[in-house]
Amino acid sequence: MMGRYFFVFFAIASISLSGMLGCATKKYVNEYVDENIRLLSSVKNKQLSSEIKSFRTEMEEDIGKVWKEIGENQKEISGLKDSVEKQKERIAELSVVEEALARAETAGKLAVGKLLYEVTMSDESVFFAYNEKELSKEAKLAINVFANVLLAQNKDIFIEIQGHTDNIGSKEYNLKLGHDRAETVRNYLYTEHNIPLHKMSTFSYGEEKPVVPNTNKINRSKNRRVMLLVME
């Protein structure tokens, strides 16, 4: 680059000297200078374009890394949210477990006074049709599995069957609907699997114990459920 600047300077100086001797005109000198200036500008523009292109490539790479990190963070945040929601659901379930144990103890129906396990059946598994109390085919299959496991253990147990609903409809209606659904399960266990009626009780919470807020269709389907609590 310095060589070109020197060349231009030398050329201009030479022409100026020749002009003094009467060998060049002022017009020729101006044209020659303008041409070299254009050449220099072209070189500078190419260098600038190259630098801009390189900078743009680096920026695009950095932006790509940032978006990748954002995506990974969003996945992590989403996973944490799911974990929190599941913990909330579990806390809601535990509250009704504690109350069931207290009812059983008060009634003198527990031998040891502990929960063996619980089974929750919700509309997510096509347990009950909306606003219905009759068992679906899928619900009967699920209850059959539950009863077979229960009978195979051959333990002295007591079962509380709880009915839960969403918040659509009046509280009185949902309380009755929850009770009817729990009674339907109790009767099925008695008639189909010979589990004694005195070994089972029913309780309806209606809409009072949602595991998740009743804010959308999916959440309401989780809240429409029957819980079977097996106590020893």
C-alpha atoms as a PDB file:
ATOM      1  CA  MET A   1       0.000   0.000   0.000  1.00  0.00           C
ATOM      2  CA  MET A   2       2.818   2.387   0.904  1.00  0.00           C
ATOM      3  CA  GLY A   3       4.444   1.533  -2.432  1.00  0.00           C
ATOM      4  CA  ARG A   4       1.321   2.698  -4.277  1.00  0.00           C
ATOM      5  CA  TYR A   5       1.167   5.947  -2.296  1.00  0.00           C
ATOM      6  CA  PHE A   6       4.837   6.541  -3.068  1.00  0.00           C
ATOM      7  CA  PHE A   7       4.233   5.778  -6.721  1.00  0.00           C
ATOM      8  CA  VAL A   8       1.395   8.325  -6.884  1.00  0.00           C
ATOM      9  CA  PHE A   9       3.446  10.928  -5.129  1.00  0.00           C
ATOM     10  CA  PHE A  10       6.398  10.271  -7.399  1.00  0.00           C
ATOM     11  CA  ALA A  11       4.208  10.426 -10.499  1.00  0.00           C
ATOM     12  CA  ILE A  12       2.625  13.703  -9.414  1.00  0.00           C
ATOM     13  CA  ALA A  13       6.015  15.185  -8.586  1.00  0.00           C
ATOM     14  CA  SER A  14       7.405  14.102 -11.950  1.00  0.00           C
ATOM     15  CA  ILE A  15       4.465  15.552 -13.825  1.00  0.00           C
ATOM     16  CA  SER A  16       4.710  18.792 -11.871  1.00  0.00           C
ATOM     17  CA  LEU A  17       8.348  19.044 -12.843  1.00  0.00           C
ATOM     18  CA  SER A  18       7.527  18.291 -16.460  1.00  0.00           C
ATOM     19  CA  GLY A  19       4.808  20.940 -16.344  1.00  0.00           C
ATOM     20  CA  MET A  20       7.374  23.435 -15.299  1.00  0.00           C
ATOM     21  CA  LEU A  21       9.332  22.410 -18.354  1.00  0.00           C
ATOM     22  CA  GLY A  22       6.248  22.731 -20.534  1.00  0.00           C
ATOM     23  CA  CYS A  23       5.782  18.935 -21.151  1.00  0.00           C
ATOM     24  CA  ALA A  24       2.431  18.397 -19.392  1.00  0.00           C
ATOM     25  CA  THR A  25      -0.811  20.275 -19.159  1.00  0.00           C
ATOM     26  CA  LYS A  26      -2.839  20.998 -16.021  1.00  0.00           C
ATOM     27  CA  LYS A  27      -5.737  18.925 -17.371  1.00  0.00           C
ATOM     28  CA  TYR A  28      -3.550  15.848 -17.817  1.00  0.00           C
ATOM     29  CA  VAL A  29      -2.231  16.117 -14.270  1.00  0.00           C
ATOM     30  CA  ASN A  30      -5.780  16.346 -12.820  1.00  0.00           C
ATOM     31  CA  GLU A  31      -6.990  13.344 -14.790  1.00  0.00           C
ATOM     32  CA  TYR A  32      -4.008  11.274 -13.732  1.00  0.00           C
ATOM     33  CA  VAL A  33      -4.437  12.178 -10.065  1.00  0.00           C
ATOM     34  CA  ASP A  34      -8.190  11.424 -10.163  1.00  0.00           C
ATOM     35  CA  GLU A  35      -7.555   7.978 -11.645  1.00  0.00           C
ATOM     36  CA  ASN A  36      -5.074   7.046  -8.925  1.00  0.00           C
ATOM     37  CA  ILE A  37      -7.409   8.311  -6.225  1.00  0.00           C
ATOM     38  CA  ARG A  38     -10.117   6.031  -7.667  1.00  0.00           C
ATOM     39  CA  LEU A  39      -7.692   3.106  -7.541  1.00  0.00           C
ATOM     40  CA  LEU A  40      -6.849   3.840  -3.917  1.00  0.00           C
ATOM     41  CA  SER A  41     -10.567   4.128  -3.008  1.00  0.00           C
ATOM     42  CA  SER A  42     -11.258   0.796  -4.689  1.00  0.00           C
ATOM     43  CA  VAL A  43      -8.537  -0.909  -2.634  1.00  0.00           C
ATOM     44  CA  LYS A  44      -9.815   0.677   0.573  1.00  0.00           C
ATOM     45  CA  ASN A  45     -13.414  -0.322  -0.222  1.00  0.00           C
ATOM     46  CA  LYS A  46     -12.386  -3.924  -0.826  1.00  0.00           C
ATOM     47  CA  GLN A  47     -10.531  -4.028   2.474  1.00  0.00           C
ATOM     48  CA  LEU A  48     -13.472  -2.448   4.286  1.00  0.00           C
ATOM     49  CA  SER A  49     -15.903  -4.888   2.671  1.00  0.00           C
ATOM     50  CA  SER A  50     -13.733  -7.809   3.763  1.00  0.00           C
ATOM     51  CA  GLU A  51     -13.579  -6.491   7.322  1.00  0.00           C
ATOM     52  CA  ILE A  52     -17.357  -5.992   7.426  1.00  0.00           C
ATOM     53  CA  LYS A  53     -17.940  -9.503   6.107  1.00  0.00           C
ATOM     54  CA  SER A  54     -15.608 -10.979   8.715  1.00  0.00           C
ATOM     55  CA  PHE A  55     -17.274  -8.974  11.495  1.00  0.00           C
ATOM     56  CA  ARG A  56     -20.732 -10.017  10.309  1.00  0.00           C
ATOM     57  CA  THR A  57     -19.707 -13.691  10.321  1.00  0.00           C
ATOM     58  CA  GLU A  58     -18.398 -13.395  13.883  1.00  0.00           C
ATOM     59  CA  MET A  59     -21.583 -11.647  15.000  1.00  0.00           C
ATOM     60  CA  GLU A  60     -23.784 -14.318  13.420  1.00  0.00           C
ATOM     61  CA  GLU A  61     -21.781 -17.027  15.178  1.00  0.00           C
ATOM     62  CA  ASP A  62     -22.099 -15.225  18.520  1.00  0.00           C
ATOM     63  CA  ILE A  63     -25.829 -14.703  18.026  1.00  0.00           C
ATOM     64  CA  GLY A  64     -26.198 -18.402  17.183  1.00  0.00           C
ATOM     65  CA  LYS A  65     -24.446 -19.342  20.427  1.00  0.00           C
ATOM     66  CA  VAL A  66     -26.679 -16.998  22.415  1.00  0.00           C
ATOM     67  CA  TRP A  67     -29.864 -18.467  20.906  1.00  0.00           C
ATOM     68  CA  LYS A  68     -28.600 -21.981  21.634  1.00  0.00           C
ATOM     69  CA  GLU A  69     -28.004 -21.059  25.266  1.00  0.00           C
ATOM     70  CA  ILE A  70     -31.450 -19.452  25.452  1.00  0.00           C
ATOM     71  CA  GLY A  71     -33.027 -22.641  24.067  1.00  0.00           C
ATOM     72  CA  GLU A  72     -31.184 -24.797  26.584  1.00  0.00           C
ATOM     73  CA  ASN A  73     -32.202 -22.492  29.439  1.00  0.00           C
ATOM     74  CA  GLN A  74     -35.833 -22.544  28.313  1.00  0.00           C
ATOM     75  CA  LYS A  75     -35.804 -26.357  28.344  1.00  0.00           C
ATOM     76  CA  GLU A  76     -34.338 -26.330  31.831  1.00  0.00           C
ATOM     77  CA  ILE A  77     -36.910 -23.793  33.033  1.00  0.00           C
ATOM     78  CA  SER A  78     -39.719 -25.815  31.447  1.00  0.00           C
ATOM     79  CA  GLY A  79     -38.467 -28.941  33.210  1.00  0.00           C
ATOM     80  CA  LEU A  80     -38.373 -27.109  36.535  1.00  0.00           C
ATOM     81  CA  LYS A  81     -41.918 -25.832  36.005  1.00  0.00           C
ATOM     82  CA  ASP A  82     -43.147 -29.367  35.309  1.00  0.00           C
ATOM     83  CA  SER A  83     -41.417 -30.600  38.446  1.00  0.00           C
ATOM     84  CA  VAL A  84     -43.000 -27.852  40.543  1.00  0.00           C
ATOM     85  CA  GLU A  85     -46.457 -28.582  39.134  1.00  0.00           C
ATOM     86  CA  LYS A  86     -46.078 -32.284  39.929  1.00  0.00           C
ATOM     87  CA  GLN A  87     -44.993 -31.437  43.459  1.00  0.00           C
ATOM     88  CA  LYS A  88     -48.071 -29.234  43.866  1.00  0.00           C
ATOM     89  CA  GLU A  89     -50.298 -32.052  42.631  1.00  0.00           C
ATOM     90  CA  ARG A  90     -48.672 -34.454  45.072  1.00  0.00           C
ATOM     91  CA  ILE A  91     -49.164 -32.040  47.980  1.00  0.00           C
ATOM     92  CA  ALA A  92     -52.857 -31.753  47.097  1.00  0.00           C
ATOM     93  CA  GLU A  93     -53.164 -35.548  47.030  1.00  0.00           C
ATOM     94  CA  LEU A  94     -51.396 -35.948  50.366  1.00  0.00           C
ATOM     95  CA  SER A  95     -53.868 -33.616  52.061  1.00  0.00           C
ATOM     96  CA  VAL A  96     -56.785 -35.900  51.198  1.00  0.00           C
ATOM     97  CA  VAL A  97     -54.744 -38.950  52.235  1.00  0.00           C
ATOM     98  CA  GLU A  98     -54.230 -37.473  55.694  1.00  0.00           C
ATOM     99  CA  GLU A  99     -57.917 -36.719  56.037  1.00  0.00           C
ATOM    100  CA  ALA A 100     -58.836 -40.252  54.939  1.00  0.00           C
ATOM    101  CA  LEU A 101     -56.553 -41.738  57.582  1.00  0.00           C
ATOM    102  CA  ALA A 102     -58.121 -39.514  60.226  1.00  0.00           C
ATOM    103  CA  ARG A 103     -61.640 -40.607  59.218  1.00  0.00           C
ATOM    104  CA  ALA A 104     -60.675 -44.273  59.300  1.00  0.00           C
ATOM    105  CA  GLU A 105     -59.029 -43.946  62.694  1.00  0.00           C
ATOM    106  CA  THR A 106     -62.016 -42.098  64.114  1.00  0.00           C
ATOM    107  CA  ALA A 107     -64.327 -44.845  62.888  1.00  0.00           C
ATOM    108  CA  GLY A 108     -62.039 -47.516  64.356  1.00  0.00           C
ATOM    109  CA  LYS A 109     -61.580 -49.229  60.995  1.00  0.00           C
ATOM    110  CA  LEU A 110     -57.784 -49.289  60.896  1.00  0.00           C
ATOM    111  CA  ALA A 111     -55.774 -52.139  62.368  1.00  0.00           C
ATOM    112  CA  VAL A 112     -52.358 -50.491  62.222  1.00  0.00           C
ATOM    113  CA  GLY A 113     -53.209 -47.039  61.036  1.00  0.00           C
ATOM    114  CA  LYS A 114     -51.114 -46.593  57.919  1.00  0.00           C
ATOM    115  CA  LEU A 115     -51.578 -46.087  54.203  1.00  0.00           C
ATOM    116  CA  LEU A 116     -50.377 -48.969  52.058  1.00  0.00           C
ATOM    117  CA  TYR A 117     -50.843 -47.294  48.701  1.00  0.00           C
ATOM    118  CA  GLU A 118     -53.214 -45.209  46.646  1.00  0.00           C
ATOM    119  CA  VAL A 119     -54.528 -45.346  43.092  1.00  0.00           C
ATOM    120  CA  THR A 120     -55.853 -42.318  41.223  1.00  0.00           C
ATOM    121  CA  MET A 121     -58.071 -42.680  38.189  1.00  0.00           C
ATOM    122  CA  SER A 122     -58.875 -39.522  36.276  1.00  0.00           C
ATOM    123  CA  ASP A 123     -60.556 -38.483  33.048  1.00  0.00           C
ATOM    124  CA  GLU A 124     -57.083 -38.474  31.469  1.00  0.00           C
ATOM    125  CA  SER A 125     -57.363 -42.277  31.333  1.00  0.00           C
ATOM    126  CA  VAL A 126     -60.984 -42.094  30.110  1.00  0.00           C
ATOM    127  CA  PHE A 127     -62.256 -42.992  33.561  1.00  0.00           C
ATOM    128  CA  PHE A 128     -65.616 -41.247  33.477  1.00  0.00           C
ATOM    129  CA  ALA A 129     -67.323 -39.501  30.621  1.00  0.00           C
ATOM    130  CA  TYR A 130     -67.997 -35.815  31.252  1.00  0.00           C
ATOM    131  CA  ASN A 131     -70.894 -35.355  33.656  1.00  0.00           C
ATOM    132  CA  GLU A 132     -71.414 -39.122  33.901  1.00  0.00           C
ATOM    133  CA  LYS A 133     -71.150 -41.583  36.777  1.00  0.00           C
ATOM    134  CA  GLU A 134     -71.139 -44.839  34.804  1.00  0.00           C
ATOM    135  CA  LEU A 135     -67.886 -46.727  34.408  1.00  0.00           C
ATOM    136  CA  SER A 136     -66.316 -46.891  30.975  1.00  0.00           C
ATOM    137  CA  LYS A 137     -64.744 -50.051  29.579  1.00  0.00           C
ATOM    138  CA  GLU A 138     -61.292 -48.637  30.286  1.00  0.00           C
ATOM    139  CA  ALA A 139     -62.305 -47.813  33.856  1.00  0.00           C
ATOM    140  CA  LYS A 140     -63.511 -51.355  34.498  1.00  0.00           C
ATOM    141  CA  LEU A 141     -60.222 -52.765  33.210  1.00  0.00           C
ATOM    142  CA  ALA A 142     -58.268 -50.445  35.509  1.00  0.00           C
ATOM    143  CA  ILE A 143     -60.384 -51.406  38.513  1.00  0.00           C
ATOM    144  CA  ASN A 144     -59.988 -55.115  37.662  1.00  0.00           C
ATOM    145  CA  VAL A 145     -56.208 -54.729  37.788  1.00  0.00           C
ATOM    146  CA  PHE A 146     -56.469 -52.883  41.104  1.00  0.00           C
ATOM    147  CA  ALA A 147     -58.725 -55.558  42.617  1.00  0.00           C
ATOM    148  CA  ASN A 148     -56.569 -58.470  41.431  1.00  0.00           C
ATOM    149  CA  VAL A 149     -53.460 -56.945  43.007  1.00  0.00           C
ATOM    150  CA  LEU A 150     -55.404 -56.249  46.184  1.00  0.00           C
ATOM    151  CA  LEU A 151     -56.790 -59.776  46.487  1.00  0.00           C
ATOM    152  CA  ALA A 152     -53.432 -61.370  45.707  1.00  0.00           C
ATOM    153  CA  GLN A 153     -51.917 -59.633  48.724  1.00  0.00           C
ATOM    154  CA  ASN A 154     -54.519 -61.213  51.001  1.00  0.00           C
ATOM    155  CA  LYS A 155     -54.186 -58.549  53.676  1.00  0.00           C
ATOM    156  CA  ASP A 156     -56.649 -57.192  56.161  1.00  0.00           C
ATOM    157  CA  ILE A 157     -57.258 -53.858  54.521  1.00  0.00           C
ATOM    158  CA  PHE A 158     -59.734 -51.016  54.400  1.00  0.00           C
ATOM    159  CA  ILE A 159     -60.429 -48.910  51.302  1.00  0.00           C
ATOM    160  CA  GLU A 160     -61.695 -45.359  51.137  1.00  0.00           C
ATOM    161  CA  ILE A 161     -63.005 -44.422  47.692  1.00  0.00           C
ATOM    162  CA  GLN A 162     -63.013 -40.680  47.070  1.00  0.00           C
ATOM    163  CA  GLY A 163     -64.926 -38.830  44.372  1.00  0.00           C
ATOM    164  CA  HIS A 164     -63.526 -35.550  42.970  1.00  0.00           C
ATOM    165  CA  THR A 165     -64.883 -33.254  40.251  1.00  0.00           C
ATOM    166  CA  ASP A 166     -63.937 -30.075  38.426  1.00  0.00           C
ATOM    167  CA  ASN A 167     -65.620 -26.745  39.229  1.00  0.00           C
ATOM    168  CA  ILE A 168     -68.173 -26.720  36.408  1.00  0.00           C
ATOM    169  CA  GLY A 169     -71.659 -26.683  37.911  1.00  0.00           C
ATOM    170  CA  SER A 170     -72.807 -25.882  41.436  1.00  0.00           C
ATOM    171  CA  LYS A 171     -70.955 -27.102  44.519  1.00  0.00           C
ATOM    172  CA  GLU A 172     -73.993 -29.135  45.565  1.00  0.00           C
ATOM    173  CA  TYR A 173     -74.204 -30.839  42.192  1.00  0.00           C
ATOM    174  CA  ASN A 174     -70.475 -31.639  42.111  1.00  0.00           C
ATOM    175  CA  LEU A 175     -70.613 -32.987  45.651  1.00  0.00           C
ATOM    176  CA  LYS A 176     -73.365 -35.405  44.625  1.00  0.00           C
ATOM    177  CA  LEU A 177     -71.594 -36.307  41.357  1.00  0.00           C
ATOM    178  CA  GLY A 178     -68.401 -37.131  43.253  1.00  0.00           C
ATOM    179  CA  HIS A 179     -70.367 -39.292  45.673  1.00  0.00           C
ATOM    180  CA  ASP A 180     -72.180 -41.137  42.874  1.00  0.00           C
ATOM    181  CA  ARG A 181     -68.917 -41.909  41.091  1.00  0.00           C
ATOM    182  CA  ALA A 182     -67.313 -43.219  44.282  1.00  0.00           C
ATOM    183  CA  GLU A 183     -70.366 -45.383  44.972  1.00  0.00           C
ATOM    184  CA  THR A 184     -70.238 -46.758  41.431  1.00  0.00           C
ATOM    185  CA  VAL A 185     -66.655 -47.934  42.004  1.00  0.00           C
ATOM    186  CA  ARG A 186     -67.533 -49.402  45.412  1.00  0.00           C
ATOM    187  CA  ASN A 187     -70.467 -51.366  43.992  1.00  0.00           C
ATOM    188  CA  TYR A 188     -68.322 -52.673  41.139  1.00  0.00           C
ATOM    189  CA  LEU A 189     -65.637 -53.918  43.540  1.00  0.00           C
ATOM    190  CA  TYR A 190     -68.326 -55.644  45.590  1.00  0.00           C
ATOM    191  CA  THR A 191     -70.321 -57.253  42.764  1.00  0.00           C
ATOM    192  CA  GLU A 192     -67.423 -58.180  40.475  1.00  0.00           C
ATOM    193  CA  HIS A 193     -64.648 -58.971  42.962  1.00  0.00           C
ATOM    194  CA  ASN A 194     -66.499 -59.839  46.185  1.00  0.00           C
ATOM    195  CA  ILE A 195     -64.753 -57.253  48.292  1.00  0.00           C
ATOM    196  CA  PRO A 196     -66.954 -56.884  51.414  1.00  0.00           C
ATOM    197  CA  LEU A 197     -68.895 -53.663  51.665  1.00  0.00           C
ATOM    198  CA  HIS A 198     -67.836 -53.127  55.282  1.00  0.00           C
ATOM    199  CA  LYS A 199     -64.223 -53.047  54.062  1.00  0.00           C
ATOM    200  CA  MET A 200     -64.971 -50.021  51.897  1.00  0.00           C
ATOM    201  CA  SER A 201     -66.315 -46.527  52.404  1.00  0.00           C
ATOM    202  CA  THR A 202     -66.982 -43.642  50.082  1.00  0.00           C
ATOM    203  CA  PHE A 203     -66.371 -39.934  50.458  1.00  0.00           C
ATOM    204  CA  SER A 204     -67.013 -37.052  48.095  1.00  0.00           C
ATOM    205  CA  TYR A 205     -65.005 -33.851  47.979  1.00  0.00           C
ATOM    206  CA  GLY A 206     -66.775 -32.602  44.897  1.00  0.00           C
ATOM    207  CA  GLU A 207     -64.782 -29.652  43.571  1.00  0.00           C
ATOM    208  CA  GLU A 208     -63.128 -28.780  46.885  1.00  0.00           C
ATOM    209  CA  LYS A 209     -59.780 -30.563  46.395  1.00  0.00           C
ATOM    210  CA  PRO A 210     -58.411 -29.831  42.894  1.00  0.00           C
ATOM    211  CA  VAL A 211     -54.878 -31.040  42.209  1.00  0.00           C
ATOM    212  CA  VAL A 212     -54.417 -28.250  39.644  1.00  0.00           C
ATOM    213  CA  PRO A 213     -56.303 -24.988  38.972  1.00  0.00           C
ATOM    214  CA  ASN A 214     -59.473 -25.444  36.909  1.00  0.00           C
ATOM    215  CA  THR A 215     -58.206 -23.001  34.286  1.00  0.00           C
ATOM    216  CA  ASN A 216     -58.397 -25.156  31.157  1.00  0.00           C
ATOM    217  CA  LYS A 217     -59.755 -28.399  29.730  1.00  0.00           C
ATOM    218  CA  ILE A 218     -56.651 -30.462  30.491  1.00  0.00           C
ATOM    219  CA  ASN A 219     -56.529 -29.347  34.122  1.00  0.00           C
ATOM    220  CA  ARG A 220     -60.232 -30.018  34.620  1.00  0.00           C
ATOM    221  CA  SER A 221     -59.736 -33.561  33.308  1.00  0.00           C
ATOM    222  CA  LYS A 222     -57.085 -34.109  36.005  1.00  0.00           C
ATOM    223  CA  ASN A 223     -59.435 -32.888  38.701  1.00  0.00           C
ATOM    224  CA  ARG A 224     -62.251 -35.239  37.641  1.00  0.00           C
ATOM    225  CA  ARG A 225     -60.950 -38.310  39.400  1.00  0.00           C
ATOM    226  CA  VAL A 226     -61.601 -41.147  41.820  1.00  0.00           C
ATOM    227  CA  MET A 227     -58.953 -42.014  44.399  1.00  0.00           C
ATOM    228  CA  LEU A 228     -58.738 -45.431  46.032  1.00  0.00           C
ATOM    229  CA  LEU A 229     -56.794 -45.352  49.292  1.00  0.00           C
ATOM    230  CA  VAL A 230     -55.775 -48.762  50.637  1.00  0.00           C
ATOM    231  CA  MET A 231     -55.138 -48.685  54.375  1.00  0.00           C
ATOM    232  CA  GLU A 232     -53.965 -51.372  56.735  1.00  0.00           C
END
